[in-house]
């Protein structure tokens, strides 16, 4: 029988990014089978969505919000999002916003409306695993620049400048950064803005971890002077309000771009459910103490992991300034990051993601998520240290035998 053909798009959206989740899925399967597995391989908050947000959605449903929504997003929600930006010095209006089914959807729609085949987009790596598939879906090419582990994965703007070619269409950044938790500082942002003007580039900024900053300052790309006509900011409530399953995000950009994205949404999504938008509006409009509690809990968890691993000479921890992850250098074990992650799951029942899933510059590192309670994180960290010490001893014994 002749095999039916699929579009070439299916090849562009597959690859290493999709395969990165194999170890996570394996951990979930073992946990579902009843094994004691600590899953630290995904950024899904373990907090419940604050009760007032849930009640808002319930009230909206009971009030009849079950019909087709405004494709661009409800006016009152876009007003609430714009007010949030204005409170942080960004001159945003509802017409510059479109509501999407999460930041991932917003990123995909942004790429579809900005990029053409053979365009180049400069992306620091390690980078979030879906970026490559999103950009390749348009026929564009992702051009990596390295974030070096030996420099705590800090961005060097000179690397961006060196990667610019006549085909470069955009620079895509993520600050606070996933997977490293690092922030881009004001001096670097100013230099990036200058590059965008000099080379007529778009600046795409993924800012979903903006409210989970422990040290330093988050700078919204849309606040950069004279950049409003070439800056696109993608954000959501997933991390800040523990709403990953609600699938509610947005894109802030020039009004003409938002008009194009509304056309795309018309033929792709036809809008986000109205009751979810009502809950999102209230989430942004209310002073919810749970938000500060979540941020401080992530900070305490980060500190607990760093303390638990401080005396393990087989690994080195890069302390993140923000976010819900940290990177652990396992090169001293003599194992690749993927092999170490597999051994950690097999021997100790702890799942982390291999740094190589995020790009070659993270080879030798693993990403650990701060998404279980502090005591369980301490235990998982002790297991990780034990695994690392055993691997290093095995490597030393092998070297001696040879």
Protein backbone atom coordinates (compact mmCIF):
# COMPACT_ATOMS: atom_id res chain seq x y z
CA UNK A 1 0.00 0.00 0.00
CA UNK A 2 1.30 3.43 -0.93
CA UNK A 3 1.93 5.61 2.10
CA UNK A 4 -0.11 8.81 2.19
CA UNK A 5 1.91 11.99 1.99
CA UNK A 6 2.11 14.70 4.62
CA UNK A 7 3.18 18.29 4.18
CA UNK A 8 6.82 19.33 4.56
CA UNK A 9 5.68 21.35 7.55
CA UNK A 10 5.46 18.12 9.55
CA UNK A 11 9.22 17.67 9.13
CA UNK A 12 10.01 21.24 10.13
CA UNK A 13 8.03 21.08 13.39
CA UNK A 14 9.55 17.77 14.54
CA UNK A 15 13.11 17.10 15.64
CA UNK A 16 15.22 17.45 18.75
CA UNK A 17 12.86 19.89 20.47
CA UNK A 18 10.05 17.33 20.44
CA UNK A 19 12.40 14.51 21.48
CA UNK A 20 13.57 16.51 24.51
CA UNK A 21 10.44 15.51 26.40
CA UNK A 22 11.09 11.76 26.15
CA UNK A 23 12.68 11.53 29.60
CA UNK A 24 9.85 13.58 31.11
CA UNK A 25 7.24 11.29 29.58
CA UNK A 26 9.16 8.27 30.85
CA UNK A 27 9.15 9.74 34.36
CA UNK A 28 5.42 10.40 34.21
CA UNK A 29 4.74 6.83 33.08
CA UNK A 30 6.73 5.40 35.98
CA UNK A 31 5.01 7.71 38.45
CA UNK A 32 1.59 6.68 37.09
CA UNK A 33 2.60 3.07 37.60
CA UNK A 34 3.03 3.78 41.31
CA UNK A 35 6.78 4.35 41.59
CA UNK A 36 8.23 7.05 43.85
CA UNK A 37 9.38 9.47 41.14
CA UNK A 38 10.18 13.15 41.68
CA UNK A 39 9.39 14.98 38.45
CA UNK A 40 11.63 18.03 38.05
CA UNK A 41 11.62 18.06 34.26
CA UNK A 42 8.83 20.50 33.43
CA UNK A 43 7.90 24.08 34.36
CA UNK A 44 4.37 23.44 35.54
CA UNK A 45 3.73 25.24 38.85
CA UNK A 46 2.59 22.97 41.67
CA UNK A 47 0.44 25.78 43.06
CA UNK A 48 -3.31 25.89 42.53
CA UNK A 49 -4.68 28.84 40.58
CA UNK A 50 -5.76 31.44 43.18
CA UNK A 51 -9.38 30.83 44.21
CA UNK A 52 -10.73 34.28 43.16
CA UNK A 53 -9.62 33.59 39.57
CA UNK A 54 -11.37 30.21 39.56
CA UNK A 55 -14.53 31.74 41.02
CA UNK A 56 -14.46 34.45 38.37
CA UNK A 57 -14.44 31.81 35.61
CA UNK A 58 -17.28 29.92 37.28
CA UNK A 59 -19.38 33.06 37.62
CA UNK A 60 -18.71 33.96 33.99
CA UNK A 61 -19.78 30.50 32.82
CA UNK A 62 -22.94 30.64 34.90
CA UNK A 63 -23.59 34.08 33.49
CA UNK A 64 -23.70 32.67 29.97
CA UNK A 65 -20.18 33.43 28.64
CA UNK A 66 -20.21 30.39 26.36
CA UNK A 67 -20.50 32.03 22.95
CA UNK A 68 -18.04 33.13 20.27
CA UNK A 69 -15.63 35.69 21.74
CA UNK A 70 -14.00 38.76 20.24
CA UNK A 71 -11.22 37.29 18.08
CA UNK A 72 -8.68 39.91 19.21
CA UNK A 73 -9.66 39.53 22.85
CA UNK A 74 -12.29 41.18 25.02
CA UNK A 75 -11.88 44.93 25.35
CA UNK A 76 -11.90 44.89 29.14
CA UNK A 77 -9.18 42.25 29.28
CA UNK A 78 -7.01 44.14 26.82
CA UNK A 79 -7.58 47.27 28.91
CA UNK A 80 -6.39 45.40 32.00
CA UNK A 81 -3.28 44.11 30.21
CA UNK A 82 -2.48 47.58 28.84
CA UNK A 83 -2.88 49.08 32.34
CA UNK A 84 -0.38 46.50 33.65
CA UNK A 85 2.19 47.65 31.10
CA UNK A 86 1.52 51.35 31.71
CA UNK A 87 2.14 50.78 35.42
CA UNK A 88 5.65 49.67 34.42
CA UNK A 89 6.37 52.59 32.12
CA UNK A 90 5.26 51.07 28.81
CA UNK A 91 2.95 53.18 26.68
CA UNK A 92 0.53 50.38 25.75
CA UNK A 93 -3.03 50.60 24.42
CA UNK A 94 -5.67 47.88 23.94
CA UNK A 95 -5.33 48.20 20.16
CA UNK A 96 -1.70 47.07 20.46
CA UNK A 97 -2.71 43.79 22.11
CA UNK A 98 -4.14 40.49 21.01
CA UNK A 99 -5.18 37.70 23.37
CA UNK A 100 -3.97 34.23 22.42
CA UNK A 101 -4.22 30.67 23.74
CA UNK A 102 -1.05 30.98 25.81
CA UNK A 103 2.36 32.48 25.11
CA UNK A 104 3.30 29.50 22.93
CA UNK A 105 0.42 30.31 20.59
CA UNK A 106 1.40 33.97 20.67
CA UNK A 107 4.95 33.10 19.70
CA UNK A 108 3.76 30.93 16.81
CA UNK A 109 1.42 33.64 15.53
CA UNK A 110 4.18 36.23 15.80
CA UNK A 111 6.53 34.09 13.72
CA UNK A 112 3.87 33.48 11.08
CA UNK A 113 3.20 37.20 10.69
CA UNK A 114 6.82 38.41 10.70
CA UNK A 115 8.93 35.78 8.96
CA UNK A 116 9.35 34.42 5.46
CA UNK A 117 11.29 31.39 4.16
CA UNK A 118 15.07 31.85 4.39
CA UNK A 119 14.82 34.71 6.88
CA UNK A 120 17.26 34.41 9.76
CA UNK A 121 16.38 34.91 13.43
CA UNK A 122 19.16 35.28 15.99
CA UNK A 123 18.42 33.34 19.19
CA UNK A 124 20.78 32.90 22.14
CA UNK A 125 21.23 29.28 23.15
CA UNK A 126 20.52 27.40 25.28
CA UNK A 127 16.94 28.34 24.45
CA UNK A 128 13.46 27.01 25.12
CA UNK A 129 12.93 23.77 23.22
CA UNK A 130 9.96 24.87 21.09
CA UNK A 131 11.65 27.92 19.56
CA UNK A 132 13.29 25.97 16.75
CA UNK A 133 10.06 24.32 15.58
CA UNK A 134 8.16 27.63 15.75
CA UNK A 135 10.70 29.40 13.56
CA UNK A 136 11.17 26.49 11.17
CA UNK A 137 7.40 26.32 10.68
CA UNK A 138 7.71 29.53 8.68
CA UNK A 139 10.68 28.35 6.64
CA UNK A 140 12.94 30.75 8.54
CA UNK A 141 16.24 29.66 10.05
CA UNK A 142 17.26 29.97 13.68
CA UNK A 143 20.81 31.30 14.04
CA UNK A 144 22.25 30.35 17.42
CA UNK A 145 24.65 32.46 19.42
CA UNK A 146 26.17 30.87 22.52
CA UNK A 147 25.43 31.65 26.15
CA UNK A 148 28.52 30.23 27.82
CA UNK A 149 28.16 28.10 30.92
CA UNK A 150 31.56 29.16 32.19
CA UNK A 151 30.22 32.75 32.21
CA UNK A 152 26.98 31.74 33.97
CA UNK A 153 25.12 31.85 30.62
CA UNK A 154 25.17 35.65 30.45
CA UNK A 155 24.39 37.32 27.12
CA UNK A 156 27.22 39.01 25.20
CA UNK A 157 25.72 41.50 22.74
CA UNK A 158 28.89 41.30 20.62
CA UNK A 159 27.87 37.75 19.72
CA UNK A 160 24.53 39.04 18.41
CA UNK A 161 26.24 41.69 16.31
CA UNK A 162 28.66 39.17 14.84
CA UNK A 163 25.77 36.92 13.75
CA UNK A 164 23.86 39.59 11.78
CA UNK A 165 23.76 39.06 8.01
CA UNK A 166 21.71 40.58 5.17
CA UNK A 167 19.16 37.79 5.75
CA UNK A 168 18.62 38.60 9.44
CA UNK A 169 15.02 39.62 10.09
CA UNK A 170 14.76 39.48 13.89
CA UNK A 171 16.44 38.99 17.23
CA UNK A 172 14.47 36.78 19.61
CA UNK A 173 15.25 37.02 23.33
CA UNK A 174 13.91 35.56 26.55
CA UNK A 175 14.45 37.45 29.81
CA UNK A 176 14.14 36.18 32.48
CA UNK A 177 15.67 33.27 30.61
CA UNK A 178 14.53 29.67 30.39
CA UNK A 179 16.43 27.46 31.14
CA UNK A 180 19.13 29.49 32.94
CA UNK A 181 17.18 32.06 34.99
CA UNK A 182 19.46 34.92 33.91
CA UNK A 183 18.36 38.51 33.22
CA UNK A 184 19.42 40.88 30.43
CA UNK A 185 20.71 44.09 32.00
CA UNK A 186 19.90 47.67 30.95
CA UNK A 187 23.23 48.24 29.17
CA UNK A 188 22.74 45.13 27.04
CA UNK A 189 19.14 46.06 26.20
CA UNK A 190 20.30 49.50 25.01
CA UNK A 191 22.96 47.92 22.80
CA UNK A 192 20.41 45.46 21.38
CA UNK A 193 18.01 48.30 20.56
CA UNK A 194 20.82 50.10 18.74
CA UNK A 195 21.51 46.98 16.67
CA UNK A 196 17.82 46.68 15.76
CA UNK A 197 17.78 50.26 14.48
CA UNK A 198 21.09 49.99 12.65
CA UNK A 199 20.09 46.81 10.80
CA UNK A 200 16.30 47.35 10.60
CA UNK A 201 15.42 44.30 12.70
CA UNK A 202 12.43 43.14 14.69
CA UNK A 203 12.93 42.47 18.39
CA UNK A 204 10.84 39.55 19.71
CA UNK A 205 10.83 39.27 23.50
CA UNK A 206 9.45 36.30 25.45
CA UNK A 207 8.75 37.60 28.97
CA UNK A 208 6.66 34.89 30.62
CA UNK A 209 8.87 34.80 33.73
CA UNK A 210 8.85 38.58 34.26
CA UNK A 211 7.09 38.40 37.63
CA UNK A 212 9.37 35.73 39.10
CA UNK A 213 12.48 37.88 39.65
CA UNK A 214 14.49 37.33 42.86
CA UNK A 215 17.49 39.62 42.31
CA UNK A 216 18.02 42.34 39.76
CA UNK A 217 15.40 44.02 37.59
CA UNK A 218 13.22 42.85 34.73
CA UNK A 219 13.25 45.32 31.84
CA UNK A 220 10.37 45.01 29.38
CA UNK A 221 11.64 45.25 25.81
CA UNK A 222 8.68 47.47 24.92
CA UNK A 223 9.97 50.10 27.35
CA UNK A 224 13.14 50.68 25.32
CA UNK A 225 13.23 54.18 23.77
CA UNK A 226 12.14 54.52 20.13
CA UNK A 227 11.51 50.76 19.76
CA UNK A 228 7.71 50.59 19.79
CA UNK A 229 7.40 50.14 16.02
CA UNK A 230 9.74 47.12 15.92
CA UNK A 231 9.23 45.35 19.27
CA UNK A 232 6.94 42.39 19.98
CA UNK A 233 6.43 41.22 23.57
CA UNK A 234 4.90 37.84 24.38
CA UNK A 235 3.59 37.10 27.87
CA UNK A 236 0.99 35.07 29.75
CA UNK A 237 -0.49 34.30 33.15
CA UNK A 238 0.81 30.72 33.17
CA UNK A 239 3.75 31.19 35.52
CA UNK A 240 2.85 34.37 37.40
CA UNK A 241 -0.65 33.18 38.37
CA UNK A 242 -0.22 29.37 38.20
CA UNK A 243 -2.53 29.18 35.19
CA UNK A 244 -0.66 26.91 32.78
CA UNK A 245 -3.77 24.87 31.96
CA UNK A 246 -5.94 27.89 31.24
CA UNK A 247 -4.01 28.68 28.04
CA UNK A 248 -4.24 32.46 28.23
CA UNK A 249 -1.52 34.72 26.90
CA UNK A 250 -1.09 37.79 24.74
CA UNK A 251 1.10 39.65 22.30
CA UNK A 252 1.95 43.35 22.56
CA UNK A 253 3.17 44.97 19.36
CA UNK A 254 2.59 47.63 16.69
CA UNK A 255 -1.10 47.93 15.83
CA UNK A 256 -0.54 46.92 12.20
CA UNK A 257 1.06 43.66 13.33
CA UNK A 258 -1.80 43.03 15.75
CA UNK A 259 -4.26 43.50 12.86
CA UNK A 260 -2.40 40.82 10.89
CA UNK A 261 -2.40 38.51 13.90
CA UNK A 262 -6.15 38.99 14.31
CA UNK A 263 -6.58 37.74 10.73
CA UNK A 264 -4.48 34.70 11.58
CA UNK A 265 -6.48 34.09 14.76
CA UNK A 266 -9.67 34.30 12.73
CA UNK A 267 -8.65 31.29 10.64
CA UNK A 268 -6.84 29.41 13.41
CA UNK A 269 -8.37 29.99 16.86
CA UNK A 270 -11.43 32.17 16.45
CA UNK A 271 -10.65 33.65 19.83
CA UNK A 272 -10.09 32.41 23.38
CA UNK A 273 -13.05 31.28 25.51
CA UNK A 274 -14.83 34.25 27.00
CA UNK A 275 -15.07 32.84 30.53
CA UNK A 276 -11.28 32.35 30.60
CA UNK A 277 -10.80 35.92 29.43
CA UNK A 278 -13.09 37.15 32.22
CA UNK A 279 -11.04 35.24 34.77
CA UNK A 280 -7.82 36.66 33.29
CA UNK A 281 -9.20 40.19 33.51
CA UNK A 282 -9.92 39.69 37.20
CA UNK A 283 -6.53 38.06 37.75
CA UNK A 284 -4.86 41.21 36.44
CA UNK A 285 -7.21 43.62 38.19
CA UNK A 286 -7.11 42.16 41.70
CA UNK A 287 -4.38 42.37 44.32
CA UNK A 288 -3.74 38.67 44.89
CA UNK A 289 -1.39 37.87 47.81
CA UNK A 290 -0.82 34.42 46.31
CA UNK A 291 1.40 35.95 43.63
CA UNK A 292 3.96 37.25 46.12
CA UNK A 293 3.74 33.99 48.06
CA UNK A 294 4.54 31.99 44.93
CA UNK A 295 7.54 34.17 44.07
CA UNK A 296 8.95 33.93 47.58
CA UNK A 297 8.35 30.17 47.64
CA UNK A 298 10.32 29.76 44.40
CA UNK A 299 13.09 31.86 45.90
CA UNK A 300 13.16 29.67 49.04
CA UNK A 301 13.20 26.52 46.92
CA UNK A 302 16.08 27.85 44.83
CA UNK A 303 18.03 28.60 47.99
CA UNK A 304 17.25 25.16 49.44
CA UNK A 305 18.55 23.36 46.34
CA UNK A 306 21.69 25.50 46.21
CA UNK A 307 22.36 24.80 49.90
CA UNK A 308 21.73 21.06 49.51
CA UNK A 309 24.18 20.81 46.60
CA UNK A 310 26.81 23.22 47.93
CA UNK A 311 29.08 20.52 49.33
CA UNK A 312 28.94 18.19 46.32
CA UNK A 313 32.24 18.53 44.50
CA UNK A 314 31.00 16.53 41.50
CA UNK A 315 28.61 19.26 40.36
CA UNK A 316 28.36 23.05 40.23
CA UNK A 317 25.12 25.04 40.49
CA UNK A 318 24.50 28.28 38.62
CA UNK A 319 22.28 30.34 40.91
CA UNK A 320 19.41 31.85 38.87
CA UNK A 321 18.30 35.45 39.36
CA UNK A 322 14.72 34.62 38.34
CA UNK A 323 12.34 31.93 37.19
CA UNK A 324 11.53 28.42 38.31
CA UNK A 325 14.59 26.50 37.09
CA UNK A 326 18.28 26.20 37.78
CA UNK A 327 21.15 24.79 35.75
CA UNK A 328 23.53 22.23 37.23
CA UNK A 329 26.97 21.57 35.75
CA UNK A 330 27.57 17.80 35.73
CA UNK A 331 30.68 17.76 33.53
CA UNK A 332 32.88 16.58 36.40
CA UNK A 333 30.95 13.28 36.44
CA UNK A 334 32.41 12.35 33.07
CA UNK A 335 28.91 11.76 31.68
CA UNK A 336 27.03 13.64 29.01
CA UNK A 337 24.06 15.57 30.35
CA UNK A 338 21.62 13.14 28.69
CA UNK A 339 23.38 10.09 30.11
CA UNK A 340 23.46 11.68 33.55
CA UNK A 341 19.74 12.52 33.35
CA UNK A 342 18.94 8.95 32.33
CA UNK A 343 21.04 7.54 35.17
CA UNK A 344 19.47 9.92 37.69
CA UNK A 345 15.99 8.75 36.72
CA UNK A 346 16.93 5.07 36.55
CA UNK A 347 18.94 4.93 39.78
CA UNK A 348 17.42 7.65 41.96
CA UNK A 349 13.90 8.24 40.63
CA UNK A 350 14.44 11.94 39.83
CA UNK A 351 13.75 13.41 36.39
CA UNK A 352 15.54 16.47 35.04
CA UNK A 353 16.02 17.67 31.48
CA UNK A 354 19.32 17.35 29.66
CA UNK A 355 20.87 20.73 28.90
CA UNK A 356 21.59 19.53 25.37
CA UNK A 357 17.85 19.70 24.71
CA UNK A 358 18.16 23.48 24.93
CA UNK A 359 21.23 23.81 22.71
CA UNK A 360 24.87 22.74 22.41
CA UNK A 361 26.10 25.44 24.80
CA UNK A 362 24.27 23.64 27.62
CA UNK A 363 26.03 20.33 27.00
CA UNK A 364 27.22 19.04 30.34
CA UNK A 365 24.39 20.73 32.26
CA UNK A 366 20.95 19.58 33.38
CA UNK A 367 17.91 21.75 34.12
CA UNK A 368 16.09 21.20 37.41
CA UNK A 369 12.59 22.60 37.97
CA UNK A 370 11.60 24.16 41.30
CA UNK A 371 8.10 22.74 41.07
CA UNK A 372 7.75 20.51 44.12
CA UNK A 373 7.78 21.39 47.81
CA UNK A 374 10.99 22.37 49.58
CA UNK A 375 11.44 19.13 51.51
CA UNK A 376 11.00 16.98 48.41
CA UNK A 377 13.47 19.23 46.57
CA UNK A 378 16.04 18.71 49.32
CA UNK A 379 15.64 14.94 49.07
CA UNK A 380 15.85 15.06 45.28
CA UNK A 381 18.99 17.22 45.52
CA UNK A 382 20.60 14.69 47.87
CA UNK A 383 19.79 11.94 45.37
CA UNK A 384 21.24 14.02 42.54
CA UNK A 385 24.44 14.61 44.52
CA UNK A 386 24.70 10.89 45.29
CA UNK A 387 24.26 10.05 41.61
CA UNK A 388 26.90 12.60 40.60
CA UNK A 389 29.44 11.38 43.15
CA UNK A 390 28.91 7.76 42.09
CA UNK A 391 29.29 8.64 38.40
CA UNK A 392 32.53 10.51 39.08
CA UNK A 393 33.89 7.59 41.10
CA UNK A 394 32.99 5.20 38.26
CA UNK A 395 34.77 7.46 35.78
CA UNK A 396 37.87 7.60 38.00
CA UNK A 397 37.91 3.83 38.44
CA UNK A 398 37.60 3.32 34.69
CA UNK A 399 40.44 5.75 34.06
CA UNK A 400 42.63 3.93 36.59
CA UNK A 401 41.85 0.55 35.01
CA UNK A 402 42.81 1.84 31.59
